[in-house]
Amino acid sequence: MTYKDQRDYELLPKRIEALDAQIAADATRLAAPDLYMRDHATFTRLTAAIEAARAEKEAAELRWLTLAELAEG
């Protein structure tokens, strides 16, 4: 594995955890029953942020799995 691969392999689990926490926090805020009516801009921003974080998390997980296979040999 290259230096970049090794570094990604070591750092991605923490990034995935951080993304999970961000998704959970945004989802909690999004769950407010009156958010859509009260603050549509925030609702839209949170929805977009959750989608982006989920996409980044999926890419990070796939990258980590690829690197794990390389590390195993």
N, C-alpha and C. Protein backbone atom coordinates (compact mmCIF):
# COMPACT_ATOMS: atom_id res chain seq x y z
N MET A 1 0.84 -1.19 0.00
CA MET A 1 0.00 0.00 0.00
C MET A 1 0.88 1.25 0.00
N THR A 2 0.42 2.26 -0.66
CA THR A 2 1.15 3.51 -0.69
C THR A 2 0.95 4.23 0.65
N TYR A 3 1.72 5.28 0.84
CA TYR A 3 1.58 6.07 2.05
C TYR A 3 0.16 6.63 2.16
N LYS A 4 -0.37 7.14 1.04
CA LYS A 4 -1.72 7.71 1.04
C LYS A 4 -2.76 6.64 1.37
N ASP A 5 -2.59 5.44 0.81
CA ASP A 5 -3.51 4.34 1.11
C ASP A 5 -3.48 4.00 2.60
N GLN A 6 -2.27 3.90 3.14
CA GLN A 6 -2.12 3.56 4.57
C GLN A 6 -2.75 4.62 5.45
N ARG A 7 -2.53 5.86 5.08
CA ARG A 7 -3.09 6.97 5.86
C ARG A 7 -4.62 6.95 5.79
N ASP A 8 -5.17 6.77 4.60
CA ASP A 8 -6.62 6.67 4.45
C ASP A 8 -7.17 5.50 5.28
N TYR A 9 -6.49 4.37 5.21
CA TYR A 9 -6.91 3.18 5.95
C TYR A 9 -7.01 3.46 7.45
N GLU A 10 -6.07 4.25 7.95
CA GLU A 10 -6.05 4.57 9.38
C GLU A 10 -7.07 5.64 9.75
N LEU A 11 -7.30 6.62 8.87
CA LEU A 11 -8.14 7.77 9.21
C LEU A 11 -9.62 7.60 8.85
N LEU A 12 -9.92 6.77 7.88
CA LEU A 12 -11.31 6.66 7.44
C LEU A 12 -12.29 6.20 8.52
N PRO A 13 -11.94 5.26 9.39
CA PRO A 13 -12.91 4.88 10.42
C PRO A 13 -13.37 6.06 11.29
N LYS A 14 -12.46 6.94 11.64
CA LYS A 14 -12.84 8.12 12.44
C LYS A 14 -13.72 9.05 11.62
N ARG A 15 -13.42 9.20 10.34
CA ARG A 15 -14.24 10.05 9.47
C ARG A 15 -15.64 9.47 9.33
N ILE A 16 -15.74 8.17 9.21
CA ILE A 16 -17.04 7.51 9.10
C ILE A 16 -17.84 7.73 10.38
N GLU A 17 -17.19 7.62 11.53
CA GLU A 17 -17.87 7.88 12.81
C GLU A 17 -18.36 9.32 12.88
N ALA A 18 -17.53 10.25 12.45
CA ALA A 18 -17.92 11.67 12.47
C ALA A 18 -19.11 11.92 11.55
N LEU A 19 -19.11 11.28 10.40
CA LEU A 19 -20.25 11.43 9.48
C LEU A 19 -21.52 10.84 10.07
N ASP A 20 -21.39 9.70 10.74
CA ASP A 20 -22.56 9.11 11.42
C ASP A 20 -23.13 10.07 12.46
N ALA A 21 -22.25 10.68 13.22
CA ALA A 21 -22.69 11.63 14.25
C ALA A 21 -23.36 12.84 13.62
N GLN A 22 -22.78 13.33 12.53
CA GLN A 22 -23.38 14.48 11.84
C GLN A 22 -24.75 14.14 11.28
N ILE A 23 -24.87 12.98 10.68
CA ILE A 23 -26.15 12.54 10.13
C ILE A 23 -27.19 12.43 11.24
N ALA A 24 -26.81 11.83 12.36
CA ALA A 24 -27.73 11.67 13.48
C ALA A 24 -28.17 13.03 14.03
N ALA A 25 -27.23 13.95 14.19
CA ALA A 25 -27.57 15.27 14.72
C ALA A 25 -28.50 16.02 13.78
N ASP A 26 -28.19 15.98 12.49
CA ASP A 26 -29.04 16.66 11.51
C ASP A 26 -30.42 16.01 11.43
N ALA A 27 -30.47 14.70 11.52
CA ALA A 27 -31.75 14.00 11.48
C ALA A 27 -32.61 14.34 12.69
N THR A 28 -31.97 14.50 13.84
CA THR A 28 -32.70 14.89 15.04
C THR A 28 -33.32 16.28 14.87
N ARG A 29 -32.53 17.21 14.33
CA ARG A 29 -33.06 18.56 14.08
C ARG A 29 -34.16 18.54 13.03
N LEU A 30 -34.00 17.68 12.03
CA LEU A 30 -34.97 17.58 10.95
C LEU A 30 -36.29 16.98 11.43
N ALA A 31 -36.23 16.22 12.50
CA ALA A 31 -37.42 15.53 13.02
C ALA A 31 -38.39 16.46 13.75
N ALA A 32 -38.01 17.69 13.96
CA ALA A 32 -38.93 18.64 14.62
C ALA A 32 -40.21 18.73 13.78
N PRO A 33 -41.35 18.50 14.41
CA PRO A 33 -42.60 18.40 13.65
C PRO A 33 -42.98 19.66 12.87
N ASP A 34 -42.57 20.81 13.34
CA ASP A 34 -43.00 22.04 12.68
C ASP A 34 -41.86 22.71 11.88
N LEU A 35 -40.75 22.04 11.73
CA LEU A 35 -39.59 22.65 11.08
C LEU A 35 -39.89 23.09 9.65
N TYR A 36 -40.55 22.23 8.90
CA TYR A 36 -40.83 22.55 7.49
C TYR A 36 -41.65 23.83 7.37
N MET A 37 -42.66 23.98 8.20
CA MET A 37 -43.53 25.16 8.13
C MET A 37 -42.86 26.39 8.75
N ARG A 38 -42.09 26.18 9.81
CA ARG A 38 -41.48 27.28 10.54
C ARG A 38 -40.26 27.84 9.83
N ASP A 39 -39.42 26.95 9.29
CA ASP A 39 -38.15 27.39 8.70
C ASP A 39 -37.79 26.48 7.52
N HIS A 40 -38.42 26.77 6.40
CA HIS A 40 -38.25 25.92 5.22
C HIS A 40 -36.79 25.92 4.74
N ALA A 41 -36.09 27.03 4.86
CA ALA A 41 -34.68 27.09 4.43
C ALA A 41 -33.82 26.13 5.24
N THR A 42 -34.03 26.08 6.54
CA THR A 42 -33.27 25.16 7.39
C THR A 42 -33.62 23.73 7.05
N PHE A 43 -34.90 23.46 6.83
CA PHE A 43 -35.34 22.12 6.44
C PHE A 43 -34.62 21.68 5.17
N THR A 44 -34.57 22.55 4.18
CA THR A 44 -33.93 22.24 2.91
C THR A 44 -32.43 22.04 3.10
N ARG A 45 -31.80 22.91 3.90
CA ARG A 45 -30.36 22.80 4.14
C ARG A 45 -30.03 21.49 4.86
N LEU A 46 -30.81 21.15 5.88
CA LEU A 46 -30.56 19.91 6.62
C LEU A 46 -30.76 18.68 5.74
N THR A 47 -31.78 18.70 4.91
CA THR A 47 -32.03 17.58 4.01
C THR A 47 -30.85 17.40 3.06
N ALA A 48 -30.36 18.49 2.49
CA ALA A 48 -29.21 18.42 1.58
C ALA A 48 -27.95 17.97 2.32
N ALA A 49 -27.77 18.45 3.54
CA ALA A 49 -26.58 18.07 4.32
C ALA A 49 -26.59 16.57 4.64
N ILE A 50 -27.75 16.05 4.97
CA ILE A 50 -27.86 14.62 5.27
C ILE A 50 -27.56 13.80 4.02
N GLU A 51 -28.11 14.19 2.90
CA GLU A 51 -27.84 13.47 1.65
C GLU A 51 -26.35 13.49 1.31
N ALA A 52 -25.72 14.64 1.45
CA ALA A 52 -24.29 14.76 1.14
C ALA A 52 -23.45 13.91 2.10
N ALA A 53 -23.80 13.95 3.38
CA ALA A 53 -23.05 13.18 4.37
C ALA A 53 -23.21 11.68 4.13
N ARG A 54 -24.41 11.26 3.76
CA ARG A 54 -24.62 9.84 3.46
C ARG A 54 -23.81 9.40 2.25
N ALA A 55 -23.75 10.25 1.23
CA ALA A 55 -22.97 9.92 0.04
C ALA A 55 -21.48 9.85 0.39
N GLU A 56 -21.01 10.81 1.18
CA GLU A 56 -19.60 10.80 1.58
C GLU A 56 -19.29 9.58 2.43
N LYS A 57 -20.21 9.22 3.32
CA LYS A 57 -20.01 8.06 4.17
C LYS A 57 -19.94 6.78 3.34
N GLU A 58 -20.83 6.66 2.37
CA GLU A 58 -20.82 5.48 1.51
C GLU A 58 -19.49 5.37 0.75
N ALA A 59 -19.02 6.49 0.21
CA ALA A 59 -17.75 6.49 -0.51
C ALA A 59 -16.59 6.14 0.43
N ALA A 60 -16.63 6.67 1.64
CA ALA A 60 -15.57 6.38 2.62
C ALA A 60 -15.57 4.91 3.01
N GLU A 61 -16.75 4.35 3.19
CA GLU A 61 -16.84 2.93 3.54
C GLU A 61 -16.32 2.04 2.41
N LEU A 62 -16.67 2.37 1.18
CA LEU A 62 -16.18 1.59 0.04
C LEU A 62 -14.66 1.70 -0.09
N ARG A 63 -14.15 2.90 0.10
CA ARG A 63 -12.68 3.11 0.05
C ARG A 63 -12.01 2.31 1.14
N TRP A 64 -12.57 2.34 2.36
CA TRP A 64 -11.96 1.61 3.47
C TRP A 64 -11.98 0.11 3.20
N LEU A 65 -13.09 -0.41 2.67
CA LEU A 65 -13.16 -1.83 2.37
C LEU A 65 -12.13 -2.24 1.32
N THR A 66 -11.97 -1.40 0.32
CA THR A 66 -10.95 -1.68 -0.70
C THR A 66 -9.56 -1.71 -0.07
N LEU A 67 -9.29 -0.74 0.79
CA LEU A 67 -7.97 -0.69 1.45
C LEU A 67 -7.79 -1.86 2.41
N ALA A 68 -8.85 -2.29 3.07
CA ALA A 68 -8.77 -3.44 3.99
C ALA A 68 -8.39 -4.69 3.21
N GLU A 69 -8.96 -4.85 2.02
CA GLU A 69 -8.60 -6.00 1.18
C GLU A 69 -7.14 -5.93 0.77
N LEU A 70 -6.65 -4.73 0.44
CA LEU A 70 -5.24 -4.58 0.10
C LEU A 70 -4.34 -4.89 1.28
N ALA A 71 -4.76 -4.45 2.46
CA ALA A 71 -3.95 -4.68 3.65
C ALA A 71 -3.85 -6.16 3.99
N GLU A 72 -4.91 -6.91 3.71
CA GLU A 72 -4.90 -8.33 4.00
C GLU A 72 -4.03 -9.11 3.03
N GLY A 73 -3.79 -8.52 1.89
CA GLY A 73 -2.83 -9.09 1.02
C GLY A 73 -3.27 -9.78 -0.19
